[in-house]
Amino acid sequence: MLTMFIWSFVVGGLICVIGQLMFDVGKMTPAHTLSTMVVAGAILSGFGLYEKLIYFAGAGATIPITSFGNALVNGAMNEVEKHGYIGVLTGMFEVTSSGISSAIVFGFIGALLFKPKG
């Protein structure tokens, strides 16, 4: 069990280090870094590699933003099997709708409670 925690920490840390290097060394904006990490997770999921990473690292692979790309692809693939190609459009939002809705609601609450800049 201890090794599972260690690998989770190492893999999650490496994903975050990659994102930080993209931001600092690659001089990418936060939005570009975020988008690239989501797309990387989606590509790894499309090749069937992200599920293996989740099996190996647990929360170290499910907590970072790359897991969002994995969730989008998994939802789309599951719905394609059930409903055909229209499932691509509906499936990716079925799985991720709670996360997207939470981000919208909490962002709105944060904007009400604090003075947003801009």
PDB file of N, CA and C in Angstrom:
ATOM      1  N   MET A   1       0.819  -1.192   0.000  1.00  0.00           N
ATOM      2  CA  MET A   1       0.000   0.000   0.000  1.00  0.00           C
ATOM      3  C   MET A   1       0.867   1.261   0.000  1.00  0.00           C
ATOM      4  N   LEU A   2       1.961   1.228   0.721  1.00  0.00           N
ATOM      5  CA  LEU A   2       2.849   2.386   0.761  1.00  0.00           C
ATOM      6  C   LEU A   2       3.435   2.670  -0.622  1.00  0.00           C
ATOM      7  N   THR A   3       3.760   1.615  -1.368  1.00  0.00           N
ATOM      8  CA  THR A   3       4.307   1.833  -2.710  1.00  0.00           C
ATOM      9  C   THR A   3       3.279   2.491  -3.630  1.00  0.00           C
ATOM     10  N   MET A   4       1.994   2.172  -3.428  1.00  0.00           N
ATOM     11  CA  MET A   4       0.954   2.806  -4.230  1.00  0.00           C
ATOM     12  C   MET A   4       0.932   4.320  -3.975  1.00  0.00           C
ATOM     13  N   PHE A   5       1.067   4.716  -2.715  1.00  0.00           N
ATOM     14  CA  PHE A   5       1.097   6.139  -2.379  1.00  0.00           C
ATOM     15  C   PHE A   5       2.337   6.810  -2.967  1.00  0.00           C
ATOM     16  N   ILE A   6       3.444   6.122  -2.910  1.00  0.00           N
ATOM     17  CA  ILE A   6       4.687   6.690  -3.444  1.00  0.00           C
ATOM     18  C   ILE A   6       4.576   6.888  -4.949  1.00  0.00           C
ATOM     19  N   TRP A   7       4.104   5.863  -5.682  1.00  0.00           N
ATOM     20  CA  TRP A   7       3.969   5.996  -7.135  1.00  0.00           C
ATOM     21  C   TRP A   7       2.927   7.041  -7.516  1.00  0.00           C
ATOM     22  N   SER A   8       1.884   7.137  -6.726  1.00  0.00           N
ATOM     23  CA  SER A   8       0.878   8.166  -6.984  1.00  0.00           C
ATOM     24  C   SER A   8       1.499   9.554  -6.862  1.00  0.00           C
ATOM     25  N   PHE A   9       2.291   9.743  -5.819  1.00  0.00           N
ATOM     26  CA  PHE A   9       2.959  11.018  -5.608  1.00  0.00           C
ATOM     27  C   PHE A   9       3.956  11.314  -6.721  1.00  0.00           C
ATOM     28  N   VAL A  10       4.731  10.306  -7.124  1.00  0.00           N
ATOM     29  CA  VAL A  10       5.751  10.494  -8.155  1.00  0.00           C
ATOM     30  C   VAL A  10       5.108  10.816  -9.508  1.00  0.00           C
ATOM     31  N   VAL A  11       4.112  10.039  -9.909  1.00  0.00           N
ATOM     32  CA  VAL A  11       3.479  10.258 -11.215  1.00  0.00           C
ATOM     33  C   VAL A  11       2.735  11.593 -11.237  1.00  0.00           C
ATOM     34  N   GLY A  12       1.956  11.880 -10.200  1.00  0.00           N
ATOM     35  CA  GLY A  12       1.263  13.169 -10.135  1.00  0.00           C
ATOM     36  C   GLY A  12       2.240  14.329 -10.134  1.00  0.00           C
ATOM     37  N   GLY A  13       3.345  14.166  -9.411  1.00  0.00           N
ATOM     38  CA  GLY A  13       4.376  15.200  -9.389  1.00  0.00           C
ATOM     39  C   GLY A  13       5.028  15.405 -10.740  1.00  0.00           C
ATOM     40  N   LEU A  14       5.282  14.305 -11.448  1.00  0.00           N
ATOM     41  CA  LEU A  14       5.886  14.417 -12.779  1.00  0.00           C
ATOM     42  C   LEU A  14       4.962  15.109 -13.767  1.00  0.00           C
ATOM     43  N   ILE A  15       3.675  14.809 -13.686  1.00  0.00           N
ATOM     44  CA  ILE A  15       2.719  15.495 -14.566  1.00  0.00           C
ATOM     45  C   ILE A  15       2.735  16.989 -14.276  1.00  0.00           C
ATOM     46  N   CYS A  16       2.768  17.344 -13.016  1.00  0.00           N
ATOM     47  CA  CYS A  16       2.806  18.761 -12.641  1.00  0.00           C
ATOM     48  C   CYS A  16       4.124  19.423 -13.039  1.00  0.00           C
ATOM     49  N   VAL A  17       5.229  18.689 -12.928  1.00  0.00           N
ATOM     50  CA  VAL A  17       6.523  19.227 -13.346  1.00  0.00           C
ATOM     51  C   VAL A  17       6.522  19.500 -14.848  1.00  0.00           C
ATOM     52  N   ILE A  18       5.948  18.586 -15.618  1.00  0.00           N
ATOM     53  CA  ILE A  18       5.862  18.798 -17.068  1.00  0.00           C
ATOM     54  C   ILE A  18       5.066  20.073 -17.362  1.00  0.00           C
ATOM     55  N   GLY A  19       3.941  20.244 -16.684  1.00  0.00           N
ATOM     56  CA  GLY A  19       3.146  21.457 -16.872  1.00  0.00           C
ATOM     57  C   GLY A  19       3.904  22.712 -16.466  1.00  0.00           C
ATOM     58  N   GLN A  20       4.637  22.644 -15.368  1.00  0.00           N
ATOM     59  CA  GLN A  20       5.404  23.803 -14.904  1.00  0.00           C
ATOM     60  C   GLN A  20       6.534  24.131 -15.873  1.00  0.00           C
ATOM     61  N   LEU A  21       7.182  23.100 -16.436  1.00  0.00           N
ATOM     62  CA  LEU A  21       8.235  23.341 -17.424  1.00  0.00           C
ATOM     63  C   LEU A  21       7.676  23.971 -18.695  1.00  0.00           C
ATOM     64  N   MET A  22       6.490  23.530 -19.088  1.00  0.00           N
ATOM     65  CA  MET A  22       5.853  24.136 -20.258  1.00  0.00           C
ATOM     66  C   MET A  22       5.587  25.618 -20.001  1.00  0.00           C
ATOM     67  N   PHE A  23       5.207  25.923 -18.797  1.00  0.00           N
ATOM     68  CA  PHE A  23       4.887  27.301 -18.420  1.00  0.00           C
ATOM     69  C   PHE A  23       6.154  28.150 -18.297  1.00  0.00           C
ATOM     70  N   ASP A  24       7.165  27.630 -17.580  1.00  0.00           N
ATOM     71  CA  ASP A  24       8.372  28.414 -17.306  1.00  0.00           C
ATOM     72  C   ASP A  24       9.373  28.401 -18.452  1.00  0.00           C
ATOM     73  N   VAL A  25       9.745  27.224 -18.904  1.00  0.00           N
ATOM     74  CA  VAL A  25      10.780  27.107 -19.926  1.00  0.00           C
ATOM     75  C   VAL A  25      10.202  27.358 -21.315  1.00  0.00           C
ATOM     76  N   GLY A  26       9.032  26.788 -21.578  1.00  0.00           N
ATOM     77  CA  GLY A  26       8.405  26.955 -22.885  1.00  0.00           C
ATOM     78  C   GLY A  26       7.723  28.288 -23.062  1.00  0.00           C
ATOM     79  N   LYS A  27       7.656  29.080 -21.984  1.00  0.00           N
ATOM     80  CA  LYS A  27       7.025  30.403 -22.014  1.00  0.00           C
ATOM     81  C   LYS A  27       5.596  30.353 -22.543  1.00  0.00           C
ATOM     82  N   MET A  28       4.891  29.259 -22.246  1.00  0.00           N
ATOM     83  CA  MET A  28       3.490  29.141 -22.658  1.00  0.00           C
ATOM     84  C   MET A  28       2.614  29.880 -21.650  1.00  0.00           C
ATOM     85  N   THR A  29       1.521  30.419 -22.116  1.00  0.00           N
ATOM     86  CA  THR A  29       0.577  31.062 -21.211  1.00  0.00           C
ATOM     87  C   THR A  29      -0.128  29.975 -20.396  1.00  0.00           C
ATOM     88  N   PRO A  30      -0.732  30.339 -19.269  1.00  0.00           N
ATOM     89  CA  PRO A  30      -1.468  29.336 -18.502  1.00  0.00           C
ATOM     90  C   PRO A  30      -2.558  28.640 -19.322  1.00  0.00           C
ATOM     91  N   ALA A  31      -3.236  29.389 -20.175  1.00  0.00           N
ATOM     92  CA  ALA A  31      -4.293  28.789 -20.997  1.00  0.00           C
ATOM     93  C   ALA A  31      -3.719  27.778 -21.991  1.00  0.00           C
ATOM     94  N   HIS A  32      -2.586  28.109 -22.605  1.00  0.00           N
ATOM     95  CA  HIS A  32      -1.961  27.176 -23.544  1.00  0.00           C
ATOM     96  C   HIS A  32      -1.458  25.931 -22.820  1.00  0.00           C
ATOM     97  N   THR A  33      -0.888  26.117 -21.642  1.00  0.00           N
ATOM     98  CA  THR A  33      -0.401  24.977 -20.863  1.00  0.00           C
ATOM     99  C   THR A  33      -1.555  24.073 -20.475  1.00  0.00           C
ATOM    100  N   LEU A  34      -2.633  24.659 -19.994  1.00  0.00           N
ATOM    101  CA  LEU A  34      -3.814  23.892 -19.594  1.00  0.00           C
ATOM    102  C   LEU A  34      -4.387  23.118 -20.779  1.00  0.00           C
ATOM    103  N   SER A  35      -4.546  23.792 -21.892  1.00  0.00           N
ATOM    104  CA  SER A  35      -5.104  23.143 -23.080  1.00  0.00           C
ATOM    105  C   SER A  35      -4.211  22.016 -23.573  1.00  0.00           C
ATOM    106  N   THR A  36      -2.921  22.240 -23.568  1.00  0.00           N
ATOM    107  CA  THR A  36      -1.984  21.216 -24.013  1.00  0.00           C
ATOM    108  C   THR A  36      -2.036  19.993 -23.110  1.00  0.00           C
ATOM    109  N   MET A  37      -2.147  20.203 -21.813  1.00  0.00           N
ATOM    110  CA  MET A  37      -2.212  19.072 -20.881  1.00  0.00           C
ATOM    111  C   MET A  37      -3.509  18.278 -21.067  1.00  0.00           C
ATOM    112  N   VAL A  38      -4.615  18.962 -21.306  1.00  0.00           N
ATOM    113  CA  VAL A  38      -5.886  18.264 -21.546  1.00  0.00           C
ATOM    114  C   VAL A  38      -5.799  17.455 -22.838  1.00  0.00           C
ATOM    115  N   VAL A  39      -5.241  18.053 -23.886  1.00  0.00           N
ATOM    116  CA  VAL A  39      -5.097  17.346 -25.163  1.00  0.00           C
ATOM    117  C   VAL A  39      -4.145  16.161 -25.016  1.00  0.00           C
ATOM    118  N   ALA A  40      -3.069  16.320 -24.257  1.00  0.00           N
ATOM    119  CA  ALA A  40      -2.141  15.214 -24.027  1.00  0.00           C
ATOM    120  C   ALA A  40      -2.841  14.052 -23.325  1.00  0.00           C
ATOM    121  N   GLY A  41      -3.666  14.365 -22.328  1.00  0.00           N
ATOM    122  CA  GLY A  41      -4.436  13.320 -21.655  1.00  0.00           C
ATOM    123  C   GLY A  41      -5.411  12.633 -22.593  1.00  0.00           C
ATOM    124  N   ALA A  42      -6.016  13.409 -23.484  1.00  0.00           N
ATOM    125  CA  ALA A  42      -6.954  12.836 -24.456  1.00  0.00           C
ATOM    126  C   ALA A  42      -6.227  11.930 -25.446  1.00  0.00           C
ATOM    127  N   ILE A  43      -5.064  12.352 -25.908  1.00  0.00           N
ATOM    128  CA  ILE A  43      -4.300  11.540 -26.855  1.00  0.00           C
ATOM    129  C   ILE A  43      -3.841  10.240 -26.198  1.00  0.00           C
ATOM    130  N   LEU A  44      -3.318  10.345 -24.974  1.00  0.00           N
ATOM    131  CA  LEU A  44      -2.903   9.128 -24.263  1.00  0.00           C
ATOM    132  C   LEU A  44      -4.084   8.194 -24.043  1.00  0.00           C
ATOM    133  N   SER A  45      -5.242   8.758 -23.755  1.00  0.00           N
ATOM    134  CA  SER A  45      -6.441   7.948 -23.576  1.00  0.00           C
ATOM    135  C   SER A  45      -6.860   7.295 -24.878  1.00  0.00           C
ATOM    136  N   GLY A  46      -6.752   8.017 -25.977  1.00  0.00           N
ATOM    137  CA  GLY A  46      -7.109   7.475 -27.283  1.00  0.00           C
ATOM    138  C   GLY A  46      -6.261   6.273 -27.662  1.00  0.00           C
ATOM    139  N   PHE A  47      -5.016   6.265 -27.232  1.00  0.00           N
ATOM    140  CA  PHE A  47      -4.130   5.131 -27.495  1.00  0.00           C
ATOM    141  C   PHE A  47      -4.209   4.058 -26.408  1.00  0.00           C
ATOM    142  N   GLY A  48      -5.070   4.282 -25.418  1.00  0.00           N
ATOM    143  CA  GLY A  48      -5.239   3.292 -24.354  1.00  0.00           C
ATOM    144  C   GLY A  48      -4.154   3.315 -23.298  1.00  0.00           C
ATOM    145  N   LEU A  49      -3.346   4.363 -23.256  1.00  0.00           N
ATOM    146  CA  LEU A  49      -2.240   4.433 -22.305  1.00  0.00           C
ATOM    147  C   LEU A  49      -2.630   5.075 -20.980  1.00  0.00           C
ATOM    148  N   TYR A  50      -3.605   5.979 -21.001  1.00  0.00           N
ATOM    149  CA  TYR A  50      -3.931   6.698 -19.769  1.00  0.00           C
ATOM    150  C   TYR A  50      -4.585   5.779 -18.738  1.00  0.00           C
ATOM    151  N   GLU A  51      -5.385   4.833 -19.185  1.00  0.00           N
ATOM    152  CA  GLU A  51      -6.001   3.884 -18.251  1.00  0.00           C
ATOM    153  C   GLU A  51      -4.936   3.047 -17.551  1.00  0.00           C
ATOM    154  N   LYS A  52      -3.884   2.686 -18.285  1.00  0.00           N
ATOM    155  CA  LYS A  52      -2.775   1.948 -17.672  1.00  0.00           C
ATOM    156  C   LYS A  52      -2.063   2.814 -16.643  1.00  0.00           C
ATOM    157  N   LEU A  53      -1.932   4.099 -16.945  1.00  0.00           N
ATOM    158  CA  LEU A  53      -1.309   5.028 -16.001  1.00  0.00           C
ATOM    159  C   LEU A  53      -2.173   5.174 -14.748  1.00  0.00           C
ATOM    160  N   ILE A  54      -3.474   5.229 -14.909  1.00  0.00           N
ATOM    161  CA  ILE A  54      -4.383   5.306 -13.760  1.00  0.00           C
ATOM    162  C   ILE A  54      -4.287   4.038 -12.920  1.00  0.00           C
ATOM    163  N   TYR A  55      -4.233   2.886 -13.572  1.00  0.00           N
ATOM    164  CA  TYR A  55      -4.105   1.623 -12.851  1.00  0.00           C
ATOM    165  C   TYR A  55      -2.810   1.593 -12.054  1.00  0.00           C
ATOM    166  N   PHE A  56      -1.731   2.143 -12.626  1.00  0.00           N
ATOM    167  CA  PHE A  56      -0.424   2.140 -11.974  1.00  0.00           C
ATOM    168  C   PHE A  56      -0.330   3.191 -10.868  1.00  0.00           C
ATOM    169  N   ALA A  57      -0.813   4.409 -11.129  1.00  0.00           N
ATOM    170  CA  ALA A  57      -0.566   5.532 -10.217  1.00  0.00           C
ATOM    171  C   ALA A  57      -1.789   5.976  -9.435  1.00  0.00           C
ATOM    172  N   GLY A  58      -2.967   5.485  -9.743  1.00  0.00           N
ATOM    173  CA  GLY A  58      -4.167   5.866  -8.990  1.00  0.00           C
ATOM    174  C   GLY A  58      -4.438   7.354  -9.056  1.00  0.00           C
ATOM    175  N   ALA A  59      -4.550   7.976  -7.885  1.00  0.00           N
ATOM    176  CA  ALA A  59      -4.877   9.401  -7.809  1.00  0.00           C
ATOM    177  C   ALA A  59      -3.810  10.285  -8.431  1.00  0.00           C
ATOM    178  N   GLY A  60      -2.585   9.794  -8.536  1.00  0.00           N
ATOM    179  CA  GLY A  60      -1.529  10.568  -9.184  1.00  0.00           C
ATOM    180  C   GLY A  60      -1.824  10.832 -10.645  1.00  0.00           C
ATOM    181  N   ALA A  61      -2.685  10.007 -11.236  1.00  0.00           N
ATOM    182  CA  ALA A  61      -3.057  10.204 -12.635  1.00  0.00           C
ATOM    183  C   ALA A  61      -4.477  10.736 -12.785  1.00  0.00           C
ATOM    184  N   THR A  62      -5.331  10.562 -11.775  1.00  0.00           N
ATOM    185  CA  THR A  62      -6.716  11.031 -11.901  1.00  0.00           C
ATOM    186  C   THR A  62      -6.923  12.457 -11.417  1.00  0.00           C
ATOM    187  N   ILE A  63      -6.043  12.973 -10.597  1.00  0.00           N
ATOM    188  CA  ILE A  63      -6.213  14.324 -10.063  1.00  0.00           C
ATOM    189  C   ILE A  63      -5.734  15.412 -11.030  1.00  0.00           C
ATOM    190  N   PRO A  64      -4.583  15.277 -11.697  1.00  0.00           N
ATOM    191  CA  PRO A  64      -4.135  16.355 -12.597  1.00  0.00           C
ATOM    192  C   PRO A  64      -5.101  16.589 -13.759  1.00  0.00           C
ATOM    193  N   ILE A  65      -4.952  17.716 -14.417  1.00  0.00           N
ATOM    194  CA  ILE A  65      -5.870  18.138 -15.484  1.00  0.00           C
ATOM    195  C   ILE A  65      -5.817  17.210 -16.689  1.00  0.00           C
ATOM    196  N   THR A  66      -4.765  16.442 -16.838  1.00  0.00           N
ATOM    197  CA  THR A  66      -4.694  15.494 -17.947  1.00  0.00           C
ATOM    198  C   THR A  66      -5.824  14.470 -17.866  1.00  0.00           C
ATOM    199  N   SER A  67      -6.303  14.224 -16.666  1.00  0.00           N
ATOM    200  CA  SER A  67      -7.407  13.277 -16.473  1.00  0.00           C
ATOM    201  C   SER A  67      -8.701  13.794 -17.091  1.00  0.00           C
ATOM    202  N   PHE A  68      -8.838  15.099 -17.229  1.00  0.00           N
ATOM    203  CA  PHE A  68     -10.028  15.661 -17.864  1.00  0.00           C
ATOM    204  C   PHE A  68     -10.079  15.256 -19.336  1.00  0.00           C
ATOM    205  N   GLY A  69      -8.948  15.295 -20.015  1.00  0.00           N
ATOM    206  CA  GLY A  69      -8.885  14.831 -21.396  1.00  0.00           C
ATOM    207  C   GLY A  69      -9.211  13.357 -21.500  1.00  0.00           C
ATOM    208  N   ASN A  70      -8.731  12.587 -20.535  1.00  0.00           N
ATOM    209  CA  ASN A  70      -9.054  11.166 -20.481  1.00  0.00           C
ATOM    210  C   ASN A  70     -10.550  10.957 -20.319  1.00  0.00           C
ATOM    211  N   ALA A  71     -11.177  11.726 -19.456  1.00  0.00           N
ATOM    212  CA  ALA A  71     -12.621  11.594 -19.226  1.00  0.00           C
ATOM    213  C   ALA A  71     -13.415  11.966 -20.471  1.00  0.00           C
ATOM    214  N   LEU A  72     -12.987  12.993 -21.180  1.00  0.00           N
ATOM    215  CA  LEU A  72     -13.672  13.385 -22.416  1.00  0.00           C
ATOM    216  C   LEU A  72     -13.647  12.255 -23.444  1.00  0.00           C
ATOM    217  N   VAL A  73     -12.480  11.664 -23.636  1.00  0.00           N
ATOM    218  CA  VAL A  73     -12.349  10.601 -24.634  1.00  0.00           C
ATOM    219  C   VAL A  73     -13.109   9.351 -24.198  1.00  0.00           C
ATOM    220  N   ASN A  74     -13.000   8.979 -22.925  1.00  0.00           N
ATOM    221  CA  ASN A  74     -13.717   7.791 -22.448  1.00  0.00           C
ATOM    222  C   ASN A  74     -15.224   7.951 -22.589  1.00  0.00           C
ATOM    223  N   GLY A  75     -15.745   9.114 -22.238  1.00  0.00           N
ATOM    224  CA  GLY A  75     -17.176   9.358 -22.382  1.00  0.00           C
ATOM    225  C   GLY A  75     -17.621   9.281 -23.822  1.00  0.00           C
ATOM    226  N   ALA A  76     -16.836   9.869 -24.714  1.00  0.00           N
ATOM    227  CA  ALA A  76     -17.180   9.834 -26.137  1.00  0.00           C
ATOM    228  C   ALA A  76     -17.132   8.412 -26.680  1.00  0.00           C
ATOM    229  N   MET A  77     -16.112   7.663 -26.311  1.00  0.00           N
ATOM    230  CA  MET A  77     -15.978   6.292 -26.814  1.00  0.00           C
ATOM    231  C   MET A  77     -17.104   5.390 -26.299  1.00  0.00           C
ATOM    232  N   ASN A  78     -17.489   5.556 -25.041  1.00  0.00           N
ATOM    233  CA  ASN A  78     -18.582   4.744 -24.491  1.00  0.00           C
ATOM    234  C   ASN A  78     -19.901   5.036 -25.181  1.00  0.00           C
ATOM    235  N   GLU A  79     -20.172   6.299 -25.464  1.00  0.00           N
ATOM    236  CA  GLU A  79     -21.421   6.660 -26.124  1.00  0.00           C
ATOM    237  C   GLU A  79     -21.427   6.278 -27.602  1.00  0.00           C
ATOM    238  N   VAL A  80     -20.265   6.270 -28.244  1.00  0.00           N
ATOM    239  CA  VAL A  80     -20.190   5.834 -29.642  1.00  0.00           C
ATOM    240  C   VAL A  80     -20.601   4.369 -29.737  1.00  0.00           C
ATOM    241  N   GLU A  81     -20.178   3.570 -28.763  1.00  0.00           N
ATOM    242  CA  GLU A  81     -20.554   2.156 -28.764  1.00  0.00           C
ATOM    243  C   GLU A  81     -22.062   1.967 -28.611  1.00  0.00           C
ATOM    244  N   LYS A  82     -22.702   2.844 -27.837  1.00  0.00           N
ATOM    245  CA  LYS A  82     -24.141   2.722 -27.589  1.00  0.00           C
ATOM    246  C   LYS A  82     -25.000   3.361 -28.677  1.00  0.00           C
ATOM    247  N   HIS A  83     -24.619   4.582 -29.117  1.00  0.00           N
ATOM    248  CA  HIS A  83     -25.495   5.373 -29.977  1.00  0.00           C
ATOM    249  C   HIS A  83     -24.898   5.734 -31.338  1.00  0.00           C
ATOM    250  N   GLY A  84     -23.758   5.220 -31.671  1.00  0.00           N
ATOM    251  CA  GLY A  84     -23.134   5.571 -32.930  1.00  0.00           C
ATOM    252  C   GLY A  84     -22.364   6.876 -32.823  1.00  0.00           C
ATOM    253  N   TYR A  85     -22.096   7.478 -33.957  1.00  0.00           N
ATOM    254  CA  TYR A  85     -21.217   8.650 -33.976  1.00  0.00           C
ATOM    255  C   TYR A  85     -21.818   9.887 -33.320  1.00  0.00           C
ATOM    256  N   ILE A  86     -23.120   9.953 -33.155  1.00  0.00           N
ATOM    257  CA  ILE A  86     -23.704  11.082 -32.422  1.00  0.00           C
ATOM    258  C   ILE A  86     -23.256  11.058 -30.959  1.00  0.00           C
ATOM    259  N   GLY A  87     -22.849   9.878 -30.496  1.00  0.00           N
ATOM    260  CA  GLY A  87     -22.354   9.729 -29.131  1.00  0.00           C
ATOM    261  C   GLY A  87     -21.079  10.500 -28.861  1.00  0.00           C
ATOM    262  N   VAL A  88     -20.330  10.831 -29.900  1.00  0.00           N
ATOM    263  CA  VAL A  88     -19.125  11.638 -29.710  1.00  0.00           C
ATOM    264  C   VAL A  88     -19.499  12.983 -29.103  1.00  0.00           C
ATOM    265  N   LEU A  89     -20.568  13.570 -29.592  1.00  0.00           N
ATOM    266  CA  LEU A  89     -20.986  14.884 -29.100  1.00  0.00           C
ATOM    267  C   LEU A  89     -21.610  14.814 -27.720  1.00  0.00           C
ATOM    268  N   THR A  90     -22.396  13.785 -27.467  1.00  0.00           N
ATOM    269  CA  THR A  90     -23.097  13.707 -26.186  1.00  0.00           C
ATOM    270  C   THR A  90     -22.268  13.056 -25.096  1.00  0.00           C
ATOM    271  N   GLY A  91     -21.448  12.087 -25.449  1.00  0.00           N
ATOM    272  CA  GLY A  91     -20.733  11.305 -24.447  1.00  0.00           C
ATOM    273  C   GLY A  91     -19.685  12.061 -23.678  1.00  0.00           C
ATOM    274  N   MET A  92     -18.947  12.918 -24.358  1.00  0.00           N
ATOM    275  CA  MET A  92     -17.875  13.606 -23.643  1.00  0.00           C
ATOM    276  C   MET A  92     -18.415  14.582 -22.603  1.00  0.00           C
ATOM    277  N   PHE A  93     -19.618  15.089 -22.811  1.00  0.00           N
ATOM    278  CA  PHE A  93     -20.178  16.008 -21.833  1.00  0.00           C
ATOM    279  C   PHE A  93     -20.965  15.282 -20.744  1.00  0.00           C
ATOM    280  N   GLU A  94     -21.416  14.073 -21.038  1.00  0.00           N
ATOM    281  CA  GLU A  94     -22.135  13.309 -20.033  1.00  0.00           C
ATOM    282  C   GLU A  94     -21.224  12.975 -18.856  1.00  0.00           C
ATOM    283  N   VAL A  95     -20.004  12.584 -19.144  1.00  0.00           N
ATOM    284  CA  VAL A  95     -19.068  12.187 -18.100  1.00  0.00           C
ATOM    285  C   VAL A  95     -18.506  13.400 -17.363  1.00  0.00           C
ATOM    286  N   THR A  96     -18.280  14.489 -18.063  1.00  0.00           N
ATOM    287  CA  THR A  96     -17.594  15.639 -17.471  1.00  0.00           C
ATOM    288  C   THR A  96     -18.526  16.766 -17.046  1.00  0.00           C
ATOM    289  N   SER A  97     -19.823  16.574 -17.199  1.00  0.00           N
ATOM    290  CA  SER A  97     -20.753  17.679 -16.925  1.00  0.00           C
ATOM    291  C   SER A  97     -20.714  18.139 -15.478  1.00  0.00           C
ATOM    292  N   SER A  98     -20.515  17.250 -14.533  1.00  0.00           N
ATOM    293  CA  SER A  98     -20.476  17.681 -13.133  1.00  0.00           C
ATOM    294  C   SER A  98     -19.258  18.555 -12.869  1.00  0.00           C
ATOM    295  N   GLY A  99     -18.121  18.223 -13.458  1.00  0.00           N
ATOM    296  CA  GLY A  99     -16.929  19.057 -13.280  1.00  0.00           C
ATOM    297  C   GLY A  99     -17.071  20.413 -13.940  1.00  0.00           C
ATOM    298  N   ILE A 100     -17.633  20.431 -15.138  1.00  0.00           N
ATOM    299  CA  ILE A 100     -17.835  21.696 -15.844  1.00  0.00           C
ATOM    300  C   ILE A 100     -18.840  22.562 -15.097  1.00  0.00           C
ATOM    301  N   SER A 101     -19.934  21.956 -14.641  1.00  0.00           N
ATOM    302  CA  SER A 101     -20.951  22.707 -13.899  1.00  0.00           C
ATOM    303  C   SER A 101     -20.388  23.259 -12.594  1.00  0.00           C
ATOM    304  N   SER A 102     -19.588  22.464 -11.902  1.00  0.00           N
ATOM    305  CA  SER A 102     -18.977  22.932 -10.652  1.00  0.00           C
ATOM    306  C   SER A 102     -18.062  24.118 -10.908  1.00  0.00           C
ATOM    307  N   ALA A 103     -17.274  24.052 -11.973  1.00  0.00           N
ATOM    308  CA  ALA A 103     -16.375  25.164 -12.286  1.00  0.00           C
ATOM    309  C   ALA A 103     -17.157  26.440 -12.563  1.00  0.00           C
ATOM    310  N   ILE A 104     -18.266  26.326 -13.262  1.00  0.00           N
ATOM    311  CA  ILE A 104     -19.087  27.501 -13.563  1.00  0.00           C
ATOM    312  C   ILE A 104     -19.710  28.066 -12.293  1.00  0.00           C
ATOM    313  N   VAL A 105     -20.309  27.204 -11.478  1.00  0.00           N
ATOM    314  CA  VAL A 105     -20.985  27.662 -10.254  1.00  0.00           C
ATOM    315  C   VAL A 105     -19.991  28.271  -9.280  1.00  0.00           C
ATOM    316  N   PHE A 106     -18.882  27.591  -9.014  1.00  0.00           N
ATOM    317  CA  PHE A 106     -17.919  28.118  -8.051  1.00  0.00           C
ATOM    318  C   PHE A 106     -17.193  29.347  -8.580  1.00  0.00           C
ATOM    319  N   GLY A 107     -16.991  29.417  -9.895  1.00  0.00           N
ATOM    320  CA  GLY A 107     -16.427  30.636 -10.475  1.00  0.00           C
ATOM    321  C   GLY A 107     -17.358  31.822 -10.306  1.00  0.00           C
ATOM    322  N   PHE A 108     -18.655  31.578 -10.476  1.00  0.00           N
ATOM    323  CA  PHE A 108     -19.649  32.632 -10.286  1.00  0.00           C
ATOM    324  C   PHE A 108     -19.697  33.075  -8.822  1.00  0.00           C
ATOM    325  N   ILE A 109     -19.686  32.114  -7.915  1.00  0.00           N
ATOM    326  CA  ILE A 109     -19.694  32.449  -6.481  1.00  0.00           C
ATOM    327  C   ILE A 109     -18.434  33.228  -6.115  1.00  0.00           C
ATOM    328  N   GLY A 110     -17.281  32.801  -6.654  1.00  0.00           N
ATOM    329  CA  GLY A 110     -16.046  33.526  -6.394  1.00  0.00           C
ATOM    330  C   GLY A 110     -16.096  34.955  -6.923  1.00  0.00           C
ATOM    331  N   ALA A 111     -16.715  35.135  -8.071  1.00  0.00           N
ATOM    332  CA  ALA A 111     -16.834  36.487  -8.634  1.00  0.00           C
ATOM    333  C   ALA A 111     -17.769  37.355  -7.796  1.00  0.00           C
ATOM    334  N   LEU A 112     -18.774  36.739  -7.178  1.00  0.00           N
ATOM    335  CA  LEU A 112     -19.678  37.503  -6.317  1.00  0.00           C
ATOM    336  C   LEU A 112     -19.003  37.880  -5.007  1.00  0.00           C
ATOM    337  N   LEU A 113     -18.208  36.989  -4.442  1.00  0.00           N
ATOM    338  CA  LEU A 113     -17.606  37.220  -3.137  1.00  0.00           C
ATOM    339  C   LEU A 113     -16.376  38.118  -3.193  1.00  0.00           C
ATOM    340  N   PHE A 114     -15.633  38.068  -4.287  1.00  0.00           N
ATOM    341  CA  PHE A 114     -14.392  38.814  -4.393  1.00  0.00           C
ATOM    342  C   PHE A 114     -14.484  39.764  -5.580  1.00  0.00           C
ATOM    343  N   LYS A 115     -13.632  40.750  -5.574  1.00  0.00           N
ATOM    344  CA  LYS A 115     -13.624  41.731  -6.651  1.00  0.00           C
ATOM    345  C   LYS A 115     -12.746  41.219  -7.791  1.00  0.00           C
ATOM    346  N   PRO A 116     -13.357  40.763  -8.885  1.00  0.00           N
ATOM    347  CA  PRO A 116     -12.556  40.256 -10.005  1.00  0.00           C
ATOM    348  C   PRO A 116     -11.812  41.391 -10.700  1.00  0.00           C
ATOM    349  N   LYS A 117     -10.611  41.085 -11.157  1.00  0.00           N
ATOM    350  CA  LYS A 117      -9.826  42.077 -11.899  1.00  0.00           C
ATOM    351  C   LYS A 117     -10.133  41.941 -13.371  1.00  0.00           C
ATOM    352  N   GLY A 118     -10.078  43.022 -14.077  1.00  0.00           N
ATOM    353  CA  GLY A 118     -10.227  42.930 -15.521  1.00  0.00           C
ATOM    354  C   GLY A 118     -11.166  43.866 -16.033  1.00  0.00           C
TER     355      GLY A 118
END
